[in-house]
Structure formats: structure tokens, C-alpha cells
Amino acid sequence: MDYVSALVPPVVMAVFFGGLIVTIVKTQGGANKAKEDAAADAAITRAEAVRQATKAGGA
């Protein structure tokens, strides 16, 4: 029975870790993901516009 008591903690930790990973993956994204993506896209668009304006004005 020593082998059972030796194997229980690693098995419990493996199951817990697997559950943690599944929870993290499932909670990625969600309702705020679209808002964050839109904000990032808007920031990139503004930065590109500034870069183009600077490039056009300097040339």
C-alpha cells in the first residue's frame, strides 16, 4: 500500500493542474475580447495615420 500513498499526491496535482489549464483556456476571450480587439485595431490605425502623415509631410 506504500505505492498507493506515493502515487496519490502526484495524481491529485496532475488532475488539479489539468483543471487549472482548462479553466484558463475557457476564460480567455469572452465578451471583452471584441472590445479589446477593437481598441487595439483603433490604436494601430491611429499610429499608421500619424506615421503616414509624418512621412508625407517630411518628404
Protein backbone atom coordinates (compact mmCIF):
# COMPACT_ATOMS: atom_id res chain seq x y z
CA MET A 1 0.00 0.00 0.00
CA ASP A 2 3.03 2.29 0.13
CA TYR A 3 2.89 2.64 -3.63
CA VAL A 4 -0.67 3.97 -3.42
CA SER A 5 0.27 6.61 -0.88
CA ALA A 6 3.28 7.51 -3.03
CA LEU A 7 1.18 7.92 -6.18
CA VAL A 8 -1.80 9.81 -4.78
CA PRO A 9 -0.18 13.28 -4.39
CA PRO A 10 1.22 13.43 -7.97
CA VAL A 11 -2.07 12.19 -9.42
CA VAL A 12 -4.05 14.75 -7.42
CA MET A 13 -1.70 17.53 -8.51
CA ALA A 14 -1.90 16.41 -12.16
CA VAL A 15 -5.71 16.47 -12.08
CA PHE A 16 -5.69 19.89 -10.40
CA PHE A 17 -3.21 21.26 -12.92
CA GLY A 18 -5.26 19.91 -15.81
CA GLY A 19 -8.38 21.58 -14.41
CA LEU A 20 -6.48 24.83 -14.00
CA ILE A 21 -5.33 24.77 -17.62
CA VAL A 22 -8.86 24.01 -18.86
CA THR A 23 -10.24 26.88 -16.78
CA ILE A 24 -7.63 29.31 -18.09
CA VAL A 25 -8.27 28.33 -21.70
CA LYS A 26 -12.05 28.58 -21.31
CA THR A 27 -11.88 32.04 -19.72
CA GLN A 28 -9.70 33.52 -22.45
CA GLY A 29 -11.64 35.78 -24.74
CA GLY A 30 -15.23 36.28 -23.72
CA ALA A 31 -17.31 39.43 -24.05
CA ASN A 32 -14.43 41.85 -23.52
CA LYS A 33 -12.28 40.24 -26.20
CA ALA A 34 -14.08 42.05 -29.03
CA LYS A 35 -13.78 45.38 -27.22
CA GLU A 36 -10.07 44.84 -26.61
CA ASP A 37 -9.52 43.84 -30.23
CA ALA A 38 -11.41 46.91 -31.46
CA ALA A 39 -9.38 49.19 -29.18
CA ALA A 40 -6.12 47.65 -30.40
CA ASP A 41 -7.19 47.98 -34.03
CA ALA A 42 -8.12 51.63 -33.48
CA ALA A 43 -4.76 52.34 -31.85
CA ILE A 44 -2.91 50.69 -34.73
CA THR A 45 -4.96 52.66 -37.25
CA ARG A 46 -4.19 55.95 -35.46
CA ALA A 47 -0.49 55.10 -35.30
CA GLU A 48 -0.44 54.26 -39.02
CA ALA A 49 -2.23 57.53 -39.84
CA VAL A 50 0.30 59.52 -37.82
CA ARG A 51 3.18 57.68 -39.46
CA GLN A 52 1.78 58.31 -42.94
CA ALA A 53 1.15 61.99 -42.16
CA THR A 54 4.69 62.37 -40.81
CA LYS A 55 6.15 60.57 -43.82
CA ALA A 56 4.11 62.67 -46.30
CA GLY A 57 4.89 65.94 -44.53
CA GLY A 58 8.63 65.26 -44.25
CA ALA A 59 9.14 64.24 -47.88
